[in-house]
Amino acid sequence: MRKEHWALLSLGLNLLQAFLKLVAGLLTGSLSLLGDAVHSLSDALASLIAFLSIKFSEVKNEKFPYGLYKLENVGAIVISFFLLFTAWEILQRALKGEVKINEEHLPVGIAVVVFSLVSSLTLSFLERRAGKRLNSPTLVADSYHTLTDALASFVVLVSLVSYYLGYNLERWAALIVSALIFYTAFGLLKEQVGAILDVSADEETVEKIKRIIRSFPEVKEIKRLLVRSAGGRLFVDAVIVIDAEDFIKSHRVADEIEKKITEEVPQVEMVFIHYEPSPGSERTKVAVLTRNGEVAKSFKETEEILFFSGAGRADRVELKPGKEECVAKELVRRGADIVVAGHHPESNRVKWMLHRSGVFIWETDKRNPYEALSEVSREALR
């Protein structure tokens, strides 16, 4: 099942439990059972928040190009506060006086509590396992909240059974359970706040990514590696030194590293590889003709040239649009090896000028200069 399906299942079960506990609480007169019904309603609200945060975390648009993945962490934080509320609720219940129960309907109350206990434990186990498999902090958080419902049901069950035996053990059991829930809630809150603040991934994952990068013989050094965790996803930002014959091969190696990392570490959402050449290892210079920030459709429309070499950083040269020869002279003067544009130049004189200087024209239909640059690095080596 998908993540949102687990959240909906949790929502449905909590609503069913809340209804059954409310009916049983009214029949038996048990305040603890009525309180547990209210607790199940809070579980249902938490599950609804989990569903909404999961659903909207997948949304991507122009304002949020990387998606709203951190909504899952926000949802988990909200759920942790529900855990704290639950712990306080059980603690309050433990400090209350003895409650008179209608013995005639006591079996109904016990049956409802047993059903709630078993179903909550089962769902908590399955939901937590699914949350870890799907890398969803919200599902994991909701599974812990479902577990607290099972613990609360256990407290109520102890209370109802002890009534038969003439003892009231609910107070002591509730104190222990509330302490466990407080511990779980604060641990969860600490973890999710860390994710919101872009905490680093665990050391084992970071070391695995380092091994992947070093598995490429062209990589001579890892100058920086940042791996942040957020929303159950990992984001990798690395600066490496590559020893390659030219710029195109260096770019291809960087692309292959990115691909291998995403294949071998499934929770990685994005990889950014910034590479620097070893001394004397880069010789190719690529120029991209642009207009209004996009790849120019022709030489005549060019108003800016981006020159890429070395680590892929761009040197910018502004030109006055309209003259192909001016563009060509600038390309030759700066030693461009490959020129990326929408079309070849129209002037035969300009074509000969570029040909004589060994400049290769690469036509592209890409509008983004960096996508066009990546296209050159991939296709030229096939």
Protein backbone atom coordinates (compact mmCIF):
# COMPACT_ATOMS: atom_id res chain seq x y z
CA MET A 1 0.00 0.00 0.00
CA ARG A 2 1.00 3.62 -0.50
CA LYS A 3 1.78 5.89 2.44
CA GLU A 4 -1.54 7.72 2.30
CA HIS A 5 -3.42 4.39 2.32
CA TRP A 6 -1.86 3.48 5.68
CA ALA A 7 -2.84 6.88 7.08
CA LEU A 8 -6.44 6.39 5.89
CA LEU A 9 -6.53 2.89 7.45
CA SER A 10 -5.35 4.36 10.75
CA LEU A 11 -7.98 7.11 10.50
CA GLY A 12 -10.79 4.61 9.88
CA LEU A 13 -9.76 2.31 12.75
CA ASN A 14 -9.46 5.19 15.22
CA LEU A 15 -12.92 6.51 14.32
CA LEU A 16 -14.39 3.01 14.78
CA GLN A 17 -12.66 2.60 18.15
CA ALA A 18 -13.83 6.02 19.31
CA PHE A 19 -17.45 5.15 18.50
CA LEU A 20 -17.33 1.75 20.21
CA LYS A 21 -15.61 3.15 23.32
CA LEU A 22 -18.12 5.97 23.56
CA VAL A 23 -21.05 3.53 23.47
CA ALA A 24 -19.36 1.14 25.94
CA GLY A 25 -18.39 4.04 28.21
CA LEU A 26 -21.98 5.29 28.35
CA LEU A 27 -23.29 1.78 29.09
CA THR A 28 -20.77 0.98 31.84
CA GLY A 29 -20.44 4.47 33.27
CA SER A 30 -16.65 4.15 33.10
CA LEU A 31 -15.03 7.58 32.95
CA SER A 32 -11.73 6.01 31.94
CA LEU A 33 -13.43 4.33 28.97
CA LEU A 34 -15.13 7.59 28.00
CA GLY A 35 -11.76 9.33 28.28
CA ASP A 36 -10.23 6.66 26.09
CA ALA A 37 -12.95 7.37 23.52
CA VAL A 38 -11.86 11.01 23.49
CA HIS A 39 -8.25 9.81 23.16
CA SER A 40 -9.21 7.73 20.11
CA LEU A 41 -10.76 10.82 18.58
CA SER A 42 -7.44 12.62 19.09
CA ASP A 43 -5.78 9.62 17.39
CA ALA A 44 -8.16 10.05 14.47
CA LEU A 45 -7.23 13.73 14.20
CA ALA A 46 -3.54 12.79 14.28
CA SER A 47 -4.13 10.24 11.51
CA LEU A 48 -5.96 12.90 9.47
CA ILE A 49 -2.99 15.23 9.88
CA ALA A 50 -0.69 12.37 8.85
CA PHE A 51 -2.76 11.76 5.70
CA LEU A 52 -2.83 15.44 4.73
CA SER A 53 0.91 15.95 5.36
CA ILE A 54 1.78 12.86 3.29
CA LYS A 55 -0.56 13.86 0.47
CA PHE A 56 0.66 17.45 0.20
CA SER A 57 4.33 16.58 0.73
CA GLU A 58 4.34 15.07 -2.79
CA VAL A 59 3.06 18.28 -4.41
CA LYS A 60 5.52 20.21 -6.59
CA ASN A 61 4.92 23.51 -8.37
CA GLU A 62 6.76 26.66 -9.45
CA LYS A 63 6.78 28.12 -5.93
CA PHE A 64 7.92 24.84 -4.38
CA PRO A 65 10.04 23.14 -7.09
CA TYR A 66 11.57 20.73 -4.57
CA GLY A 67 8.15 19.70 -3.24
CA LEU A 68 6.62 20.10 0.21
CA TYR A 69 8.47 17.08 1.61
CA LYS A 70 9.08 18.78 4.98
CA LEU A 71 5.34 18.71 5.63
CA GLU A 72 5.90 15.10 6.71
CA ASN A 73 8.27 16.32 9.43
CA VAL A 74 5.78 19.03 10.41
CA GLY A 75 3.06 16.37 10.59
CA ALA A 76 5.30 14.19 12.76
CA ILE A 77 5.95 17.15 15.11
CA VAL A 78 2.21 17.79 15.45
CA ILE A 79 1.68 14.11 16.24
CA SER A 80 4.41 14.25 18.90
CA PHE A 81 2.41 16.99 20.62
CA PHE A 82 -0.62 14.72 20.51
CA LEU A 83 1.54 12.11 22.23
CA LEU A 84 2.37 14.61 24.97
CA PHE A 85 -1.32 15.43 25.30
CA THR A 86 -2.13 11.73 25.57
CA ALA A 87 0.50 11.21 28.27
CA TRP A 88 -0.90 14.14 30.23
CA GLU A 89 -4.44 12.78 29.79
CA ILE A 90 -3.46 9.35 31.17
CA LEU A 91 -1.56 10.98 34.04
CA GLN A 92 -4.62 13.04 34.92
CA ARG A 93 -6.75 9.91 34.79
CA ALA A 94 -4.38 8.14 37.16
CA LEU A 95 -4.71 10.89 39.74
CA LYS A 96 -8.52 10.84 39.75
CA GLY A 97 -10.58 9.09 42.39
CA GLU A 98 -12.25 5.71 42.12
CA VAL A 99 -15.03 5.35 39.54
CA LYS A 100 -18.26 3.39 40.05
CA ILE A 101 -18.95 1.04 37.15
CA ASN A 102 -22.21 -0.56 36.00
CA GLU A 103 -21.43 -4.28 36.39
CA GLU A 104 -24.30 -5.32 34.11
CA HIS A 105 -22.56 -3.93 31.02
CA LEU A 106 -19.00 -4.60 32.20
CA PRO A 107 -18.46 -7.52 29.71
CA VAL A 108 -19.33 -5.17 26.83
CA GLY A 109 -16.76 -2.68 28.03
CA ILE A 110 -14.08 -5.36 28.44
CA ALA A 111 -14.81 -6.76 24.95
CA VAL A 112 -14.51 -3.31 23.36
CA VAL A 113 -11.24 -2.61 25.18
CA VAL A 114 -9.77 -5.98 24.17
CA PHE A 115 -10.71 -5.31 20.53
CA SER A 116 -9.13 -1.85 20.72
CA LEU A 117 -5.98 -3.24 22.33
CA VAL A 118 -5.44 -6.01 19.76
CA SER A 119 -6.32 -3.89 16.70
CA SER A 120 -4.14 -0.97 17.84
CA LEU A 121 -1.13 -3.21 18.51
CA THR A 122 -1.53 -4.87 15.10
CA LEU A 123 -1.89 -1.59 13.22
CA SER A 124 0.99 0.01 15.11
CA PHE A 125 3.34 -2.84 14.17
CA LEU A 126 2.30 -2.89 10.50
CA GLU A 127 2.24 0.90 10.12
CA ARG A 128 5.69 1.35 11.69
CA ARG A 129 7.14 -1.35 9.42
CA ALA A 130 5.54 0.34 6.37
CA GLY A 131 6.82 3.76 7.50
CA LYS A 132 10.40 2.50 7.66
CA ARG A 133 10.08 0.72 4.31
CA LEU A 134 8.58 3.81 2.62
CA ASN A 135 10.89 6.28 4.43
CA SER A 136 7.92 8.15 5.91
CA PRO A 137 8.54 9.85 9.30
CA THR A 138 4.83 10.71 9.51
CA LEU A 139 3.78 7.05 9.32
CA VAL A 140 6.38 6.09 11.92
CA ALA A 141 5.15 8.87 14.20
CA ASP A 142 1.52 7.84 13.69
CA SER A 143 2.41 4.23 14.49
CA TYR A 144 3.78 5.35 17.87
CA HIS A 145 0.62 7.33 18.48
CA THR A 146 -1.42 4.22 17.66
CA LEU A 147 0.75 2.31 20.15
CA THR A 148 -0.16 4.80 22.88
CA ASP A 149 -3.81 4.04 22.16
CA ALA A 150 -3.05 0.37 22.81
CA LEU A 151 -1.31 1.28 26.05
CA ALA A 152 -4.23 3.48 27.09
CA SER A 153 -6.61 0.61 26.31
CA PHE A 154 -4.46 -1.65 28.48
CA VAL A 155 -4.79 0.83 31.35
CA VAL A 156 -8.59 0.79 30.95
CA LEU A 157 -8.58 -3.02 30.76
CA VAL A 158 -6.59 -3.24 34.01
CA SER A 159 -9.05 -0.85 35.60
CA LEU A 160 -12.12 -2.89 34.51
CA VAL A 161 -10.64 -6.29 35.42
CA SER A 162 -9.32 -5.08 38.77
CA TYR A 163 -12.85 -3.93 39.60
CA TYR A 164 -13.88 -7.63 39.56
CA LEU A 165 -11.05 -8.48 41.96
CA GLY A 166 -11.67 -5.63 44.33
CA TYR A 167 -8.42 -3.79 43.55
CA ASN A 168 -7.71 -0.51 41.79
CA LEU A 169 -4.42 -0.85 39.86
CA GLU A 170 -5.27 1.71 37.20
CA ARG A 171 -3.43 4.55 38.94
CA TRP A 172 -0.03 2.80 39.05
CA ALA A 173 -0.29 1.36 35.55
CA ALA A 174 -1.28 4.76 34.17
CA LEU A 175 1.74 6.44 35.78
CA ILE A 176 4.11 3.94 34.12
CA VAL A 177 2.38 4.25 30.73
CA SER A 178 2.36 8.04 30.80
CA ALA A 179 6.10 8.08 31.58
CA LEU A 180 6.79 5.83 28.57
CA ILE A 181 4.68 8.05 26.30
CA PHE A 182 6.45 11.21 27.50
CA TYR A 183 9.80 9.56 26.69
CA THR A 184 8.61 8.53 23.19
CA ALA A 185 7.10 11.94 22.44
CA PHE A 186 10.19 13.93 23.42
CA GLY A 187 12.46 11.57 21.45
CA LEU A 188 10.25 11.90 18.38
CA LEU A 189 10.06 15.69 18.75
CA LYS A 190 13.86 15.93 18.98
CA GLU A 191 14.31 13.81 15.84
CA GLN A 192 11.80 15.75 13.73
CA VAL A 193 13.04 19.20 14.79
CA GLY A 194 16.50 18.02 13.75
CA ALA A 195 15.12 17.06 10.33
CA ILE A 196 13.45 20.48 9.93
CA LEU A 197 16.83 22.05 10.70
CA ASP A 198 18.50 19.82 8.06
CA VAL A 199 20.32 17.46 10.39
CA SER A 200 23.02 15.32 8.79
CA ALA A 201 22.24 11.75 7.75
CA ASP A 202 23.56 8.93 9.92
CA GLU A 203 27.28 8.15 9.74
CA GLU A 204 26.74 4.77 8.07
CA THR A 205 24.84 6.34 5.14
CA VAL A 206 27.43 9.10 4.73
CA GLU A 207 30.23 6.51 4.61
CA LYS A 208 28.32 4.48 2.02
CA ILE A 209 28.00 7.54 -0.24
CA LYS A 210 31.72 8.23 0.18
CA ARG A 211 32.53 4.66 -0.92
CA ILE A 212 30.34 5.08 -4.02
CA ILE A 213 32.12 8.30 -5.00
CA ARG A 214 35.57 6.80 -4.42
CA SER A 215 34.69 3.75 -6.51
CA PHE A 216 35.28 5.91 -9.61
CA PRO A 217 39.02 5.89 -10.48
CA GLU A 218 38.79 9.43 -11.91
CA VAL A 219 37.93 10.82 -8.45
CA LYS A 220 41.12 11.94 -6.73
CA GLU A 221 39.65 13.70 -3.69
CA ILE A 222 36.37 14.42 -1.88
CA LYS A 223 36.73 18.01 -0.75
CA ARG A 224 33.28 18.26 0.83
CA LEU A 225 30.31 15.96 1.36
CA LEU A 226 27.06 17.17 2.93
CA VAL A 227 24.16 14.73 3.31
CA ARG A 228 21.09 16.23 4.94
CA SER A 229 17.97 14.38 5.99
CA ALA A 230 14.47 15.84 5.67
CA GLY A 231 11.01 14.37 5.15
CA GLY A 232 12.36 10.82 4.97
CA ARG A 233 14.56 11.85 2.06
CA LEU A 234 18.28 12.51 1.68
CA PHE A 235 19.90 15.39 -0.20
CA VAL A 236 23.54 15.03 -1.23
CA ASP A 237 25.86 17.95 -1.97
CA ALA A 238 29.48 17.05 -2.82
CA VAL A 239 32.59 18.81 -4.08
CA ILE A 240 35.10 16.43 -5.65
CA VAL A 241 38.34 16.58 -7.64
CA ILE A 242 38.28 14.70 -10.96
CA ASP A 243 41.26 13.72 -13.09
CA ALA A 244 39.97 13.56 -16.68
CA GLU A 245 41.21 14.50 -20.13
CA ASP A 246 38.59 17.15 -20.80
CA PHE A 247 35.56 18.95 -19.48
CA ILE A 248 33.05 16.65 -21.20
CA LYS A 249 34.49 13.50 -19.63
CA SER A 250 34.55 15.15 -16.20
CA HIS A 251 30.91 16.08 -16.59
CA ARG A 252 30.06 12.53 -17.67
CA VAL A 253 31.83 11.09 -14.59
CA ALA A 254 29.86 13.47 -12.34
CA ASP A 255 26.61 12.35 -13.99
CA GLU A 256 27.52 8.69 -13.47
CA ILE A 257 28.30 9.31 -9.79
CA GLU A 258 24.93 10.98 -9.29
CA LYS A 259 23.16 8.08 -11.01
CA LYS A 260 24.97 5.42 -8.94
CA ILE A 261 24.22 7.18 -5.65
CA THR A 262 20.48 7.40 -6.41
CA GLU A 263 20.44 3.72 -7.47
CA GLU A 264 22.27 2.37 -4.41
CA VAL A 265 20.77 4.67 -1.77
CA PRO A 266 16.99 4.61 -2.50
CA GLN A 267 16.06 7.35 -0.03
CA VAL A 268 18.21 9.92 -1.87
CA GLU A 269 15.97 12.52 -3.50
CA MET A 270 18.58 14.79 -5.09
CA VAL A 271 22.33 14.72 -5.73
CA PHE A 272 24.45 17.77 -6.56
CA ILE A 273 28.02 17.01 -7.65
CA HIS A 274 30.31 20.01 -8.02
CA TYR A 275 33.61 18.96 -9.53
CA GLU A 276 37.01 20.54 -9.85
CA PRO A 277 39.73 19.34 -12.24
CA SER A 278 43.13 18.07 -11.24
CA PRO A 279 45.84 20.50 -12.44
CA GLY A 280 46.11 20.27 -16.24
CA SER A 281 43.31 17.70 -16.56
CA GLU A 282 40.73 19.99 -18.26
CA ARG A 283 41.17 21.32 -21.79
CA THR A 284 37.70 21.58 -23.35
CA LYS A 285 35.78 24.86 -23.14
CA VAL A 286 32.05 24.87 -23.86
CA ALA A 287 30.15 28.05 -24.71
CA VAL A 288 26.36 28.38 -24.46
CA LEU A 289 24.67 31.21 -26.38
CA THR A 290 21.80 32.71 -24.36
CA ARG A 291 19.05 35.30 -24.54
CA ASN A 292 16.94 36.32 -21.53
CA GLY A 293 18.49 33.51 -19.51
CA GLU A 294 17.57 30.80 -22.05
CA VAL A 295 19.50 29.13 -24.88
CA ALA A 296 19.44 31.48 -27.86
CA LYS A 297 17.57 30.15 -30.88
CA SER A 298 20.17 31.63 -33.24
CA PHE A 299 23.54 33.39 -33.29
CA LYS A 300 21.82 36.68 -34.16
CA GLU A 301 19.65 36.61 -31.03
CA THR A 302 22.60 36.07 -28.69
CA GLU A 303 22.90 38.69 -25.96
CA GLU A 304 25.13 36.73 -23.57
CA ILE A 305 27.66 33.88 -23.85
CA LEU A 306 28.30 31.50 -20.95
CA PHE A 307 31.77 29.96 -21.09
CA PHE A 308 32.16 26.71 -19.12
CA SER A 309 35.45 25.07 -18.25
CA GLY A 310 37.19 23.59 -15.24
CA ALA A 311 34.65 22.96 -12.46
CA GLY A 312 31.78 24.00 -14.70
CA ARG A 313 31.59 27.55 -13.40
CA ALA A 314 30.41 30.02 -16.03
CA ASP A 315 32.19 33.15 -17.25
CA ARG A 316 29.62 35.56 -18.71
CA VAL A 317 30.18 37.84 -21.70
CA GLU A 318 27.45 40.26 -22.77
CA LEU A 319 26.99 41.14 -26.45
CA LYS A 320 24.73 43.36 -28.49
CA PRO A 321 22.27 41.11 -30.43
CA GLY A 322 22.11 41.16 -34.22
CA LYS A 323 25.63 40.40 -35.50
CA GLU A 324 26.70 36.78 -35.95
CA GLU A 325 30.29 37.79 -36.70
CA CYS A 326 30.69 39.53 -33.33
CA VAL A 327 29.54 36.37 -31.60
CA ALA A 328 31.93 34.22 -33.62
CA LYS A 329 34.91 36.51 -32.95
CA GLU A 330 34.26 36.35 -29.20
CA LEU A 331 34.03 32.56 -29.33
CA VAL A 332 37.31 32.27 -31.21
CA ARG A 333 39.07 34.87 -29.03
CA ARG A 334 38.16 33.01 -25.86
CA GLY A 335 39.11 29.59 -27.24
CA ALA A 336 35.70 27.88 -27.25
CA ASP A 337 35.81 24.23 -28.34
CA ILE A 338 32.04 23.55 -28.42
CA VAL A 339 29.23 26.08 -28.91
CA VAL A 340 25.68 25.25 -27.84
CA ALA A 341 22.89 27.11 -29.65
CA GLY A 342 19.46 26.61 -31.13
CA HIS A 343 20.80 26.64 -34.71
CA HIS A 344 24.02 26.96 -36.68
CA PRO A 345 24.97 30.48 -37.85
CA GLU A 346 23.38 31.61 -41.13
CA SER A 347 26.47 33.39 -42.53
CA ASN A 348 28.89 31.21 -44.54
CA ARG A 349 31.71 33.56 -43.49
CA VAL A 350 30.93 32.93 -39.81
CA LYS A 351 30.67 29.18 -40.43
CA TRP A 352 34.12 29.16 -42.06
CA MET A 353 35.59 31.30 -39.26
CA LEU A 354 34.42 28.84 -36.62
CA HIS A 355 35.39 25.78 -38.68
CA ARG A 356 38.90 27.11 -39.25
CA SER A 357 39.35 27.60 -35.50
CA GLY A 358 38.11 24.07 -34.74
CA VAL A 359 34.89 25.20 -33.05
CA PHE A 360 32.13 22.57 -33.02
CA ILE A 361 28.46 23.74 -33.12
CA TRP A 362 26.00 21.74 -31.05
CA GLU A 363 22.33 22.39 -31.88
CA THR A 364 19.81 21.85 -29.08
CA ASP A 365 16.11 22.32 -28.45
CA LYS A 366 16.70 22.70 -24.70
CA ARG A 367 15.86 26.11 -23.28
CA ASN A 368 17.69 25.77 -19.98
CA PRO A 369 21.45 26.44 -20.53
CA TYR A 370 22.50 23.90 -17.90
CA GLU A 371 20.24 21.18 -19.32
CA ALA A 372 21.75 21.86 -22.74
CA LEU A 373 25.23 21.66 -21.23
CA SER A 374 24.38 18.29 -19.67
CA GLU A 375 23.00 17.12 -23.03
CA VAL A 376 26.35 17.84 -24.67
CA SER A 377 28.30 15.93 -22.03
CA ARG A 378 26.07 12.85 -22.36
CA GLU A 379 25.61 12.67 -26.13
CA ALA A 380 29.08 13.64 -27.32
CA LEU A 381 30.65 10.55 -25.81
CA ARG A 382 28.22 7.95 -27.18
